[in-house]
Amino acid sequence: MARVPMVTRTIKGTRITVMCLNVTEAEPFNETVEFPEVFKNADEALKAVKARIDTDEVKAVHIVGSEVFKTLYGMTEEEFLLNAKQLPPRGTKATEVTEG
């Protein structure tokens, strides 16, 4: 079987488990979310979690735990060409990005 050319990327991120509160039912629960970045401190992480989770009914309250992860992702070159956005050549000051 021939080797299939792949486009790969190693992503270092943070998996955060946060205690949330359903304010309409007054029920606490834990939710786990992943971010493709590593946070400097718990306050910065909680702010990012709140931006993603908070609604009129659900509020993120406290970070229960977090872990930094490193995962290798990949897709075939064909999938990449179908899904990627075309960027201007490196070193140019072109600001327009075209859909690929």
PDB file of N, CA and C in Angstrom:
ATOM      1  N   MET A   1       0.843  -1.174   0.000  1.00  0.00           N
ATOM      2  CA  MET A   1       0.000   0.000   0.000  1.00  0.00           C
ATOM      3  C   MET A   1       0.889   1.237   0.000  1.00  0.00           C
ATOM      4  N   ALA A   2       0.600   2.159  -0.891  1.00  0.00           N
ATOM      5  CA  ALA A   2       1.406   3.370  -1.036  1.00  0.00           C
ATOM      6  C   ALA A   2       1.186   4.329   0.125  1.00  0.00           C
ATOM      7  N   ARG A   3       2.216   5.053   0.462  1.00  0.00           N
ATOM      8  CA  ARG A   3       2.140   6.067   1.505  1.00  0.00           C
ATOM      9  C   ARG A   3       1.287   7.228   1.003  1.00  0.00           C
ATOM     10  N   VAL A   4       0.341   7.664   1.807  1.00  0.00           N
ATOM     11  CA  VAL A   4      -0.526   8.782   1.450  1.00  0.00           C
ATOM     12  C   VAL A   4       0.087  10.058   2.023  1.00  0.00           C
ATOM     13  N   PRO A   5       0.386  11.056   1.162  1.00  0.00           N
ATOM     14  CA  PRO A   5       0.955  12.307   1.666  1.00  0.00           C
ATOM     15  C   PRO A   5      -0.026  13.006   2.624  1.00  0.00           C
ATOM     16  N   MET A   6       0.492  13.446   3.765  1.00  0.00           N
ATOM     17  CA  MET A   6      -0.344  14.082   4.784  1.00  0.00           C
ATOM     18  C   MET A   6       0.185  15.473   5.114  1.00  0.00           C
ATOM     19  N   VAL A   7      -0.726  16.338   5.501  1.00  0.00           N
ATOM     20  CA  VAL A   7      -0.383  17.630   6.087  1.00  0.00           C
ATOM     21  C   VAL A   7      -0.627  17.448   7.577  1.00  0.00           C
ATOM     22  N   THR A   8       0.385  17.716   8.396  1.00  0.00           N
ATOM     23  CA  THR A   8       0.255  17.479   9.832  1.00  0.00           C
ATOM     24  C   THR A   8       0.561  18.740  10.628  1.00  0.00           C
ATOM     25  N   ARG A   9       0.061  18.754  11.831  1.00  0.00           N
ATOM     26  CA  ARG A   9       0.304  19.876  12.733  1.00  0.00           C
ATOM     27  C   ARG A   9       0.187  19.369  14.167  1.00  0.00           C
ATOM     28  N   THR A  10       1.167  19.681  14.997  1.00  0.00           N
ATOM     29  CA  THR A  10       1.094  19.357  16.415  1.00  0.00           C
ATOM     30  C   THR A  10       0.533  20.569  17.143  1.00  0.00           C
ATOM     31  N   ILE A  11      -0.554  20.350  17.854  1.00  0.00           N
ATOM     32  CA  ILE A  11      -1.225  21.425  18.575  1.00  0.00           C
ATOM     33  C   ILE A  11      -1.016  21.222  20.073  1.00  0.00           C
ATOM     34  N   LYS A  12      -0.585  22.267  20.741  1.00  0.00           N
ATOM     35  CA  LYS A  12      -0.452  22.259  22.198  1.00  0.00           C
ATOM     36  C   LYS A  12      -1.619  23.078  22.720  1.00  0.00           C
ATOM     37  N   GLY A  13      -2.410  22.478  23.592  1.00  0.00           N
ATOM     38  CA  GLY A  13      -3.600  23.166  24.083  1.00  0.00           C
ATOM     39  C   GLY A  13      -3.874  22.858  25.534  1.00  0.00           C
ATOM     40  N   THR A  14      -5.030  23.310  25.994  1.00  0.00           N
ATOM     41  CA  THR A  14      -5.428  23.116  27.381  1.00  0.00           C
ATOM     42  C   THR A  14      -6.826  22.521  27.432  1.00  0.00           C
ATOM     43  N   ARG A  15      -6.975  21.467  28.213  1.00  0.00           N
ATOM     44  CA  ARG A  15      -8.270  20.844  28.472  1.00  0.00           C
ATOM     45  C   ARG A  15      -8.672  21.278  29.882  1.00  0.00           C
ATOM     46  N   ILE A  16      -9.802  21.986  29.980  1.00  0.00           N
ATOM     47  CA  ILE A  16     -10.211  22.565  31.263  1.00  0.00           C
ATOM     48  C   ILE A  16     -11.548  21.981  31.693  1.00  0.00           C
ATOM     49  N   THR A  17     -11.595  21.513  32.927  1.00  0.00           N
ATOM     50  CA  THR A  17     -12.853  21.079  33.531  1.00  0.00           C
ATOM     51  C   THR A  17     -13.306  22.197  34.459  1.00  0.00           C
ATOM     52  N   VAL A  18     -14.518  22.671  34.211  1.00  0.00           N
ATOM     53  CA  VAL A  18     -15.029  23.815  34.957  1.00  0.00           C
ATOM     54  C   VAL A  18     -16.374  23.470  35.591  1.00  0.00           C
ATOM     55  N   MET A  19     -16.571  23.930  36.839  1.00  0.00           N
ATOM     56  CA  MET A  19     -17.861  23.759  37.488  1.00  0.00           C
ATOM     57  C   MET A  19     -18.785  24.848  36.972  1.00  0.00           C
ATOM     58  N   CYS A  20     -19.945  24.432  36.503  1.00  0.00           N
ATOM     59  CA  CYS A  20     -20.929  25.369  35.972  1.00  0.00           C
ATOM     60  C   CYS A  20     -22.185  25.292  36.824  1.00  0.00           C
ATOM     61  N   LEU A  21     -23.025  26.294  36.669  1.00  0.00           N
ATOM     62  CA  LEU A  21     -24.293  26.328  37.389  1.00  0.00           C
ATOM     63  C   LEU A  21     -25.405  26.618  36.395  1.00  0.00           C
ATOM     64  N   ASN A  22     -26.409  25.736  36.383  1.00  0.00           N
ATOM     65  CA  ASN A  22     -27.613  25.988  35.611  1.00  0.00           C
ATOM     66  C   ASN A  22     -28.489  26.855  36.498  1.00  0.00           C
ATOM     67  N   VAL A  23     -28.599  28.139  36.178  1.00  0.00           N
ATOM     68  CA  VAL A  23     -29.280  29.089  37.062  1.00  0.00           C
ATOM     69  C   VAL A  23     -30.791  28.922  37.055  1.00  0.00           C
ATOM     70  N   THR A  24     -31.372  28.330  36.022  1.00  0.00           N
ATOM     71  CA  THR A  24     -32.832  28.145  36.007  1.00  0.00           C
ATOM     72  C   THR A  24     -33.244  26.968  36.879  1.00  0.00           C
ATOM     73  N   GLU A  25     -32.378  25.940  36.986  1.00  0.00           N
ATOM     74  CA  GLU A  25     -32.695  24.764  37.790  1.00  0.00           C
ATOM     75  C   GLU A  25     -31.891  24.702  39.087  1.00  0.00           C
ATOM     76  N   ALA A  26     -30.998  25.649  39.290  1.00  0.00           N
ATOM     77  CA  ALA A  26     -30.122  25.696  40.461  1.00  0.00           C
ATOM     78  C   ALA A  26     -29.340  24.385  40.631  1.00  0.00           C
ATOM     79  N   GLU A  27     -28.838  23.846  39.509  1.00  0.00           N
ATOM     80  CA  GLU A  27     -28.093  22.595  39.519  1.00  0.00           C
ATOM     81  C   GLU A  27     -26.656  22.823  39.063  1.00  0.00           C
ATOM     82  N   PRO A  28     -25.673  22.414  39.874  1.00  0.00           N
ATOM     83  CA  PRO A  28     -24.276  22.495  39.430  1.00  0.00           C
ATOM     84  C   PRO A  28     -23.914  21.274  38.582  1.00  0.00           C
ATOM     85  N   PHE A  29     -22.962  21.460  37.668  1.00  0.00           N
ATOM     86  CA  PHE A  29     -22.449  20.351  36.861  1.00  0.00           C
ATOM     87  C   PHE A  29     -21.067  20.727  36.354  1.00  0.00           C
ATOM     88  N   ASN A  30     -20.309  19.716  35.984  1.00  0.00           N
ATOM     89  CA  ASN A  30     -18.974  19.948  35.424  1.00  0.00           C
ATOM     90  C   ASN A  30     -19.016  19.829  33.913  1.00  0.00           C
ATOM     91  N   GLU A  31     -18.250  20.669  33.233  1.00  0.00           N
ATOM     92  CA  GLU A  31     -18.157  20.666  31.776  1.00  0.00           C
ATOM     93  C   GLU A  31     -16.665  20.723  31.426  1.00  0.00           C
ATOM     94  N   THR A  32     -16.263  19.970  30.414  1.00  0.00           N
ATOM     95  CA  THR A  32     -14.878  19.990  29.970  1.00  0.00           C
ATOM     96  C   THR A  32     -14.806  20.613  28.583  1.00  0.00           C
ATOM     97  N   VAL A  33     -13.900  21.572  28.417  1.00  0.00           N
ATOM     98  CA  VAL A  33     -13.717  22.253  27.137  1.00  0.00           C
ATOM     99  C   VAL A  33     -12.232  22.254  26.793  1.00  0.00           C
ATOM    100  N   GLU A  34     -11.939  22.283  25.492  1.00  0.00           N
ATOM    101  CA  GLU A  34     -10.552  22.306  25.031  1.00  0.00           C
ATOM    102  C   GLU A  34     -10.278  23.595  24.279  1.00  0.00           C
ATOM    103  N   PHE A  35      -9.088  24.121  24.476  1.00  0.00           N
ATOM    104  CA  PHE A  35      -8.637  25.331  23.787  1.00  0.00           C
ATOM    105  C   PHE A  35      -7.302  25.037  23.117  1.00  0.00           C
ATOM    106  N   PRO A  36      -7.085  25.559  21.918  1.00  0.00           N
ATOM    107  CA  PRO A  36      -5.813  25.328  21.239  1.00  0.00           C
ATOM    108  C   PRO A  36      -4.735  26.321  21.673  1.00  0.00           C
ATOM    109  N   GLU A  37      -4.634  26.527  22.959  1.00  0.00           N
ATOM    110  CA  GLU A  37      -3.637  27.449  23.511  1.00  0.00           C
ATOM    111  C   GLU A  37      -3.352  27.062  24.950  1.00  0.00           C
ATOM    112  N   VAL A  38      -2.264  27.568  25.486  1.00  0.00           N
ATOM    113  CA  VAL A  38      -1.909  27.347  26.886  1.00  0.00           C
ATOM    114  C   VAL A  38      -2.048  28.685  27.600  1.00  0.00           C
ATOM    115  N   PHE A  39      -2.765  28.678  28.714  1.00  0.00           N
ATOM    116  CA  PHE A  39      -3.045  29.915  29.441  1.00  0.00           C
ATOM    117  C   PHE A  39      -1.968  30.199  30.480  1.00  0.00           C
ATOM    118  N   LYS A  40      -1.737  31.494  30.731  1.00  0.00           N
ATOM    119  CA  LYS A  40      -0.716  31.915  31.687  1.00  0.00           C
ATOM    120  C   LYS A  40      -1.143  31.671  33.121  1.00  0.00           C
ATOM    121  N   ASN A  41      -2.459  31.843  33.400  1.00  0.00           N
ATOM    122  CA  ASN A  41      -2.942  31.669  34.760  1.00  0.00           C
ATOM    123  C   ASN A  41      -4.420  31.266  34.747  1.00  0.00           C
ATOM    124  N   ALA A  42      -4.943  30.936  35.924  1.00  0.00           N
ATOM    125  CA  ALA A  42      -6.319  30.465  36.048  1.00  0.00           C
ATOM    126  C   ALA A  42      -7.337  31.546  35.691  1.00  0.00           C
ATOM    127  N   ASP A  43      -7.036  32.798  35.994  1.00  0.00           N
ATOM    128  CA  ASP A  43      -7.975  33.883  35.675  1.00  0.00           C
ATOM    129  C   ASP A  43      -8.163  34.028  34.164  1.00  0.00           C
ATOM    130  N   GLU A  44      -7.065  33.936  33.430  1.00  0.00           N
ATOM    131  CA  GLU A  44      -7.128  34.022  31.973  1.00  0.00           C
ATOM    132  C   GLU A  44      -7.912  32.832  31.410  1.00  0.00           C
ATOM    133  N   ALA A  45      -7.709  31.650  31.978  1.00  0.00           N
ATOM    134  CA  ALA A  45      -8.417  30.453  31.530  1.00  0.00           C
ATOM    135  C   ALA A  45      -9.908  30.558  31.817  1.00  0.00           C
ATOM    136  N   LEU A  46     -10.264  31.017  33.007  1.00  0.00           N
ATOM    137  CA  LEU A  46     -11.682  31.152  33.366  1.00  0.00           C
ATOM    138  C   LEU A  46     -12.379  32.174  32.470  1.00  0.00           C
ATOM    139  N   LYS A  47     -11.686  33.231  32.123  1.00  0.00           N
ATOM    140  CA  LYS A  47     -12.260  34.242  31.228  1.00  0.00           C
ATOM    141  C   LYS A  47     -12.566  33.630  29.862  1.00  0.00           C
ATOM    142  N   ALA A  48     -11.657  32.805  29.343  1.00  0.00           N
ATOM    143  CA  ALA A  48     -11.870  32.140  28.050  1.00  0.00           C
ATOM    144  C   ALA A  48     -13.014  31.134  28.139  1.00  0.00           C
ATOM    145  N   VAL A  49     -13.086  30.406  29.240  1.00  0.00           N
ATOM    146  CA  VAL A  49     -14.160  29.426  29.434  1.00  0.00           C
ATOM    147  C   VAL A  49     -15.511  30.137  29.495  1.00  0.00           C
ATOM    148  N   LYS A  50     -15.574  31.231  30.239  1.00  0.00           N
ATOM    149  CA  LYS A  50     -16.835  31.981  30.347  1.00  0.00           C
ATOM    150  C   LYS A  50     -17.290  32.493  28.985  1.00  0.00           C
ATOM    151  N   ALA A  51     -16.358  32.946  28.160  1.00  0.00           N
ATOM    152  CA  ALA A  51     -16.712  33.433  26.829  1.00  0.00           C
ATOM    153  C   ALA A  51     -17.336  32.325  25.988  1.00  0.00           C
ATOM    154  N   ARG A  52     -16.890  31.093  26.201  1.00  0.00           N
ATOM    155  CA  ARG A  52     -17.413  29.977  25.419  1.00  0.00           C
ATOM    156  C   ARG A  52     -18.676  29.363  26.013  1.00  0.00           C
ATOM    157  N   ILE A  53     -18.787  29.292  27.341  1.00  0.00           N
ATOM    158  CA  ILE A  53     -19.866  28.544  27.985  1.00  0.00           C
ATOM    159  C   ILE A  53     -21.046  29.409  28.433  1.00  0.00           C
ATOM    160  N   ASP A  54     -20.773  30.584  28.974  1.00  0.00           N
ATOM    161  CA  ASP A  54     -21.842  31.374  29.602  1.00  0.00           C
ATOM    162  C   ASP A  54     -22.990  31.705  28.641  1.00  0.00           C
ATOM    163  N   THR A  55     -24.203  31.432  29.129  1.00  0.00           N
ATOM    164  CA  THR A  55     -25.439  31.804  28.436  1.00  0.00           C
ATOM    165  C   THR A  55     -26.373  32.389  29.485  1.00  0.00           C
ATOM    166  N   ASP A  56     -27.618  32.638  29.108  1.00  0.00           N
ATOM    167  CA  ASP A  56     -28.593  33.129  30.089  1.00  0.00           C
ATOM    168  C   ASP A  56     -28.905  32.066  31.146  1.00  0.00           C
ATOM    169  N   GLU A  57     -28.760  30.782  30.784  1.00  0.00           N
ATOM    170  CA  GLU A  57     -29.102  29.696  31.697  1.00  0.00           C
ATOM    171  C   GLU A  57     -27.903  29.056  32.387  1.00  0.00           C
ATOM    172  N   VAL A  58     -26.736  29.109  31.755  1.00  0.00           N
ATOM    173  CA  VAL A  58     -25.549  28.415  32.280  1.00  0.00           C
ATOM    174  C   VAL A  58     -24.436  29.416  32.534  1.00  0.00           C
ATOM    175  N   LYS A  59     -23.824  29.308  33.711  1.00  0.00           N
ATOM    176  CA  LYS A  59     -22.709  30.178  34.083  1.00  0.00           C
ATOM    177  C   LYS A  59     -21.528  29.327  34.542  1.00  0.00           C
ATOM    178  N   ALA A  60     -20.340  29.620  34.007  1.00  0.00           N
ATOM    179  CA  ALA A  60     -19.106  28.978  34.465  1.00  0.00           C
ATOM    180  C   ALA A  60     -18.705  29.649  35.771  1.00  0.00           C
ATOM    181  N   VAL A  61     -18.408  28.838  36.784  1.00  0.00           N
ATOM    182  CA  VAL A  61     -18.176  29.382  38.122  1.00  0.00           C
ATOM    183  C   VAL A  61     -16.727  29.225  38.595  1.00  0.00           C
ATOM    184  N   HIS A  62     -16.168  28.032  38.408  1.00  0.00           N
ATOM    185  CA  HIS A  62     -14.857  27.741  39.012  1.00  0.00           C
ATOM    186  C   HIS A  62     -14.146  26.656  38.209  1.00  0.00           C
ATOM    187  N   ILE A  63     -12.850  26.816  38.027  1.00  0.00           N
ATOM    188  CA  ILE A  63     -12.066  25.789  37.340  1.00  0.00           C
ATOM    189  C   ILE A  63     -11.751  24.674  38.323  1.00  0.00           C
ATOM    190  N   VAL A  64     -12.199  23.467  37.985  1.00  0.00           N
ATOM    191  CA  VAL A  64     -11.981  22.300  38.824  1.00  0.00           C
ATOM    192  C   VAL A  64     -10.606  21.699  38.545  1.00  0.00           C
ATOM    193  N   GLY A  65     -10.213  21.693  37.283  1.00  0.00           N
ATOM    194  CA  GLY A  65      -8.913  21.142  36.918  1.00  0.00           C
ATOM    195  C   GLY A  65      -8.584  21.483  35.481  1.00  0.00           C
ATOM    196  N   SER A  66      -7.303  21.373  35.164  1.00  0.00           N
ATOM    197  CA  SER A  66      -6.884  21.620  33.787  1.00  0.00           C
ATOM    198  C   SER A  66      -5.633  20.814  33.501  1.00  0.00           C
ATOM    199  N   GLU A  67      -5.446  20.520  32.216  1.00  0.00           N
ATOM    200  CA  GLU A  67      -4.241  19.814  31.801  1.00  0.00           C
ATOM    201  C   GLU A  67      -3.833  20.313  30.429  1.00  0.00           C
ATOM    202  N   VAL A  68      -2.538  20.412  30.238  1.00  0.00           N
ATOM    203  CA  VAL A  68      -1.993  20.799  28.941  1.00  0.00           C
ATOM    204  C   VAL A  68      -1.815  19.517  28.147  1.00  0.00           C
ATOM    205  N   PHE A  69      -2.237  19.546  26.891  1.00  0.00           N
ATOM    206  CA  PHE A  69      -2.083  18.378  26.037  1.00  0.00           C
ATOM    207  C   PHE A  69      -1.353  18.759  24.761  1.00  0.00           C
ATOM    208  N   LYS A  70      -0.785  17.764  24.128  1.00  0.00           N
ATOM    209  CA  LYS A  70      -0.072  17.949  22.880  1.00  0.00           C
ATOM    210  C   LYS A  70      -0.530  16.823  21.964  1.00  0.00           C
ATOM    211  N   THR A  71      -1.174  17.181  20.845  1.00  0.00           N
ATOM    212  CA  THR A  71      -1.754  16.182  19.956  1.00  0.00           C
ATOM    213  C   THR A  71      -1.333  16.446  18.519  1.00  0.00           C
ATOM    214  N   LEU A  72      -1.013  15.376  17.807  1.00  0.00           N
ATOM    215  CA  LEU A  72      -0.671  15.465  16.392  1.00  0.00           C
ATOM    216  C   LEU A  72      -1.941  15.270  15.572  1.00  0.00           C
ATOM    217  N   TYR A  73      -2.261  16.244  14.730  1.00  0.00           N
ATOM    218  CA  TYR A  73      -3.418  16.172  13.848  1.00  0.00           C
ATOM    219  C   TYR A  73      -2.916  16.069  12.418  1.00  0.00           C
ATOM    220  N   GLY A  74      -3.733  15.496  11.556  1.00  0.00           N
ATOM    221  CA  GLY A  74      -3.338  15.411  10.169  1.00  0.00           C
ATOM    222  C   GLY A  74      -4.513  15.145   9.254  1.00  0.00           C
ATOM    223  N   MET A  75      -4.313  15.448   7.989  1.00  0.00           N
ATOM    224  CA  MET A  75      -5.295  15.150   6.959  1.00  0.00           C
ATOM    225  C   MET A  75      -4.547  14.952   5.653  1.00  0.00           C
ATOM    226  N   THR A  76      -5.197  14.270   4.737  1.00  0.00           N
ATOM    227  CA  THR A  76      -4.548  14.062   3.453  1.00  0.00           C
ATOM    228  C   THR A  76      -4.404  15.405   2.749  1.00  0.00           C
ATOM    229  N   GLU A  77      -3.479  15.464   1.798  1.00  0.00           N
ATOM    230  CA  GLU A  77      -3.295  16.711   1.047  1.00  0.00           C
ATOM    231  C   GLU A  77      -4.563  17.071   0.281  1.00  0.00           C
ATOM    232  N   GLU A  78      -5.290  16.073  -0.197  1.00  0.00           N
ATOM    233  CA  GLU A  78      -6.550  16.325  -0.907  1.00  0.00           C
ATOM    234  C   GLU A  78      -7.572  16.994   0.011  1.00  0.00           C
ATOM    235  N   GLU A  79      -7.729  16.463   1.247  1.00  0.00           N
ATOM    236  CA  GLU A  79      -8.639  17.076   2.222  1.00  0.00           C
ATOM    237  C   GLU A  79      -8.187  18.497   2.557  1.00  0.00           C
ATOM    238  N   PHE A  80      -6.872  18.668   2.664  1.00  0.00           N
ATOM    239  CA  PHE A  80      -6.334  19.979   2.993  1.00  0.00           C
ATOM    240  C   PHE A  80      -6.690  21.000   1.908  1.00  0.00           C
ATOM    241  N   LEU A  81      -6.499  20.635   0.652  1.00  0.00           N
ATOM    242  CA  LEU A  81      -6.816  21.553  -0.440  1.00  0.00           C
ATOM    243  C   LEU A  81      -8.300  21.889  -0.490  1.00  0.00           C
ATOM    244  N   LEU A  82      -9.155  20.943  -0.125  1.00  0.00           N
ATOM    245  CA  LEU A  82     -10.599  21.189  -0.124  1.00  0.00           C
ATOM    246  C   LEU A  82     -11.037  22.102   1.026  1.00  0.00           C
ATOM    247  N   ASN A  83     -10.323  22.052   2.148  1.00  0.00           N
ATOM    248  CA  ASN A  83     -10.773  22.750   3.355  1.00  0.00           C
ATOM    249  C   ASN A  83      -9.963  23.973   3.753  1.00  0.00           C
ATOM    250  N   ALA A  84      -8.767  24.116   3.235  1.00  0.00           N
ATOM    251  CA  ALA A  84      -7.877  25.203   3.669  1.00  0.00           C
ATOM    252  C   ALA A  84      -8.228  26.518   2.986  1.00  0.00           C
ATOM    253  N   LYS A  85      -7.883  27.606   3.647  1.00  0.00           N
ATOM    254  CA  LYS A  85      -8.011  28.946   3.072  1.00  0.00           C
ATOM    255  C   LYS A  85      -6.674  29.313   2.444  1.00  0.00           C
ATOM    256  N   GLN A  86      -6.735  29.868   1.268  1.00  0.00           N
ATOM    257  CA  GLN A  86      -5.511  30.274   0.585  1.00  0.00           C
ATOM    258  C   GLN A  86      -5.024  31.591   1.174  1.00  0.00           C
ATOM    259  N   LEU A  87      -3.734  31.671   1.459  1.00  0.00           N
ATOM    260  CA  LEU A  87      -3.122  32.852   2.053  1.00  0.00           C
ATOM    261  C   LEU A  87      -2.199  33.514   1.043  1.00  0.00           C
ATOM    262  N   PRO A  88      -1.888  34.797   1.253  1.00  0.00           N
ATOM    263  CA  PRO A  88      -0.921  35.446   0.368  1.00  0.00           C
ATOM    264  C   PRO A  88       0.462  34.844   0.595  1.00  0.00           C
ATOM    265  N   PRO A  89       1.348  34.946  -0.379  1.00  0.00           N
ATOM    266  CA  PRO A  89       2.706  34.387  -0.217  1.00  0.00           C
ATOM    267  C   PRO A  89       3.414  34.983   1.001  1.00  0.00           C
ATOM    268  N   ARG A  90       4.252  34.189   1.626  1.00  0.00           N
ATOM    269  CA  ARG A  90       5.019  34.670   2.782  1.00  0.00           C
ATOM    270  C   ARG A  90       5.884  35.848   2.365  1.00  0.00           C
ATOM    271  N   GLY A  91       5.987  36.838   3.243  1.00  0.00           N
ATOM    272  CA  GLY A  91       6.825  37.977   2.988  1.00  0.00           C
ATOM    273  C   GLY A  91       6.121  39.110   2.240  1.00  0.00           C
ATOM    274  N   THR A  92       4.881  38.903   1.827  1.00  0.00           N
ATOM    275  CA  THR A  92       4.152  39.976   1.166  1.00  0.00           C
ATOM    276  C   THR A  92       3.253  40.657   2.177  1.00  0.00           C
ATOM    277  N   LYS A  93       2.822  41.863   1.841  1.00  0.00           N
ATOM    278  CA  LYS A  93       1.967  42.611   2.742  1.00  0.00           C
ATOM    279  C   LYS A  93       0.516  42.571   2.301  1.00  0.00           C
ATOM    280  N   ALA A  94       0.170  41.629   1.439  1.00  0.00           N
ATOM    281  CA  ALA A  94      -1.206  41.495   0.973  1.00  0.00           C
ATOM    282  C   ALA A  94      -2.085  41.131   2.164  1.00  0.00           C
ATOM    283  N   THR A  95      -3.211  41.791   2.302  1.00  0.00           N
ATOM    284  CA  THR A  95      -4.101  41.544   3.444  1.00  0.00           C
ATOM    285  C   THR A  95      -5.332  40.751   3.053  1.00  0.00           C
ATOM    286  N   GLU A  96      -5.578  40.581   1.765  1.00  0.00           N
ATOM    287  CA  GLU A  96      -6.765  39.878   1.331  1.00  0.00           C
ATOM    288  C   GLU A  96      -6.539  38.373   1.366  1.00  0.00           C
ATOM    289  N   VAL A  97      -7.459  37.653   1.983  1.00  0.00           N
ATOM    290  CA  VAL A  97      -7.394  36.212   2.047  1.00  0.00           C
ATOM    291  C   VAL A  97      -8.526  35.676   1.197  1.00  0.00           C
ATOM    292  N   THR A  98      -8.230  34.726   0.341  1.00  0.00           N
ATOM    293  CA  THR A  98      -9.258  34.154  -0.523  1.00  0.00           C
ATOM    294  C   THR A  98      -9.692  32.806   0.002  1.00  0.00           C
ATOM    295  N   GLU A  99     -10.945  32.460  -0.260  1.00  0.00           N
ATOM    296  CA  GLU A  99     -11.462  31.156   0.136  1.00  0.00           C
ATOM    297  C   GLU A  99     -10.923  30.113  -0.826  1.00  0.00           C
ATOM    298  N   GLY A 100     -10.482  28.974  -0.289  1.00  0.00           N
ATOM    299  CA  GLY A 100      -9.901  27.942  -1.124  1.00  0.00           C
ATOM    300  C   GLY A 100     -10.864  26.893  -1.555  1.00  0.00           C
TER     301      GLY A 100
END
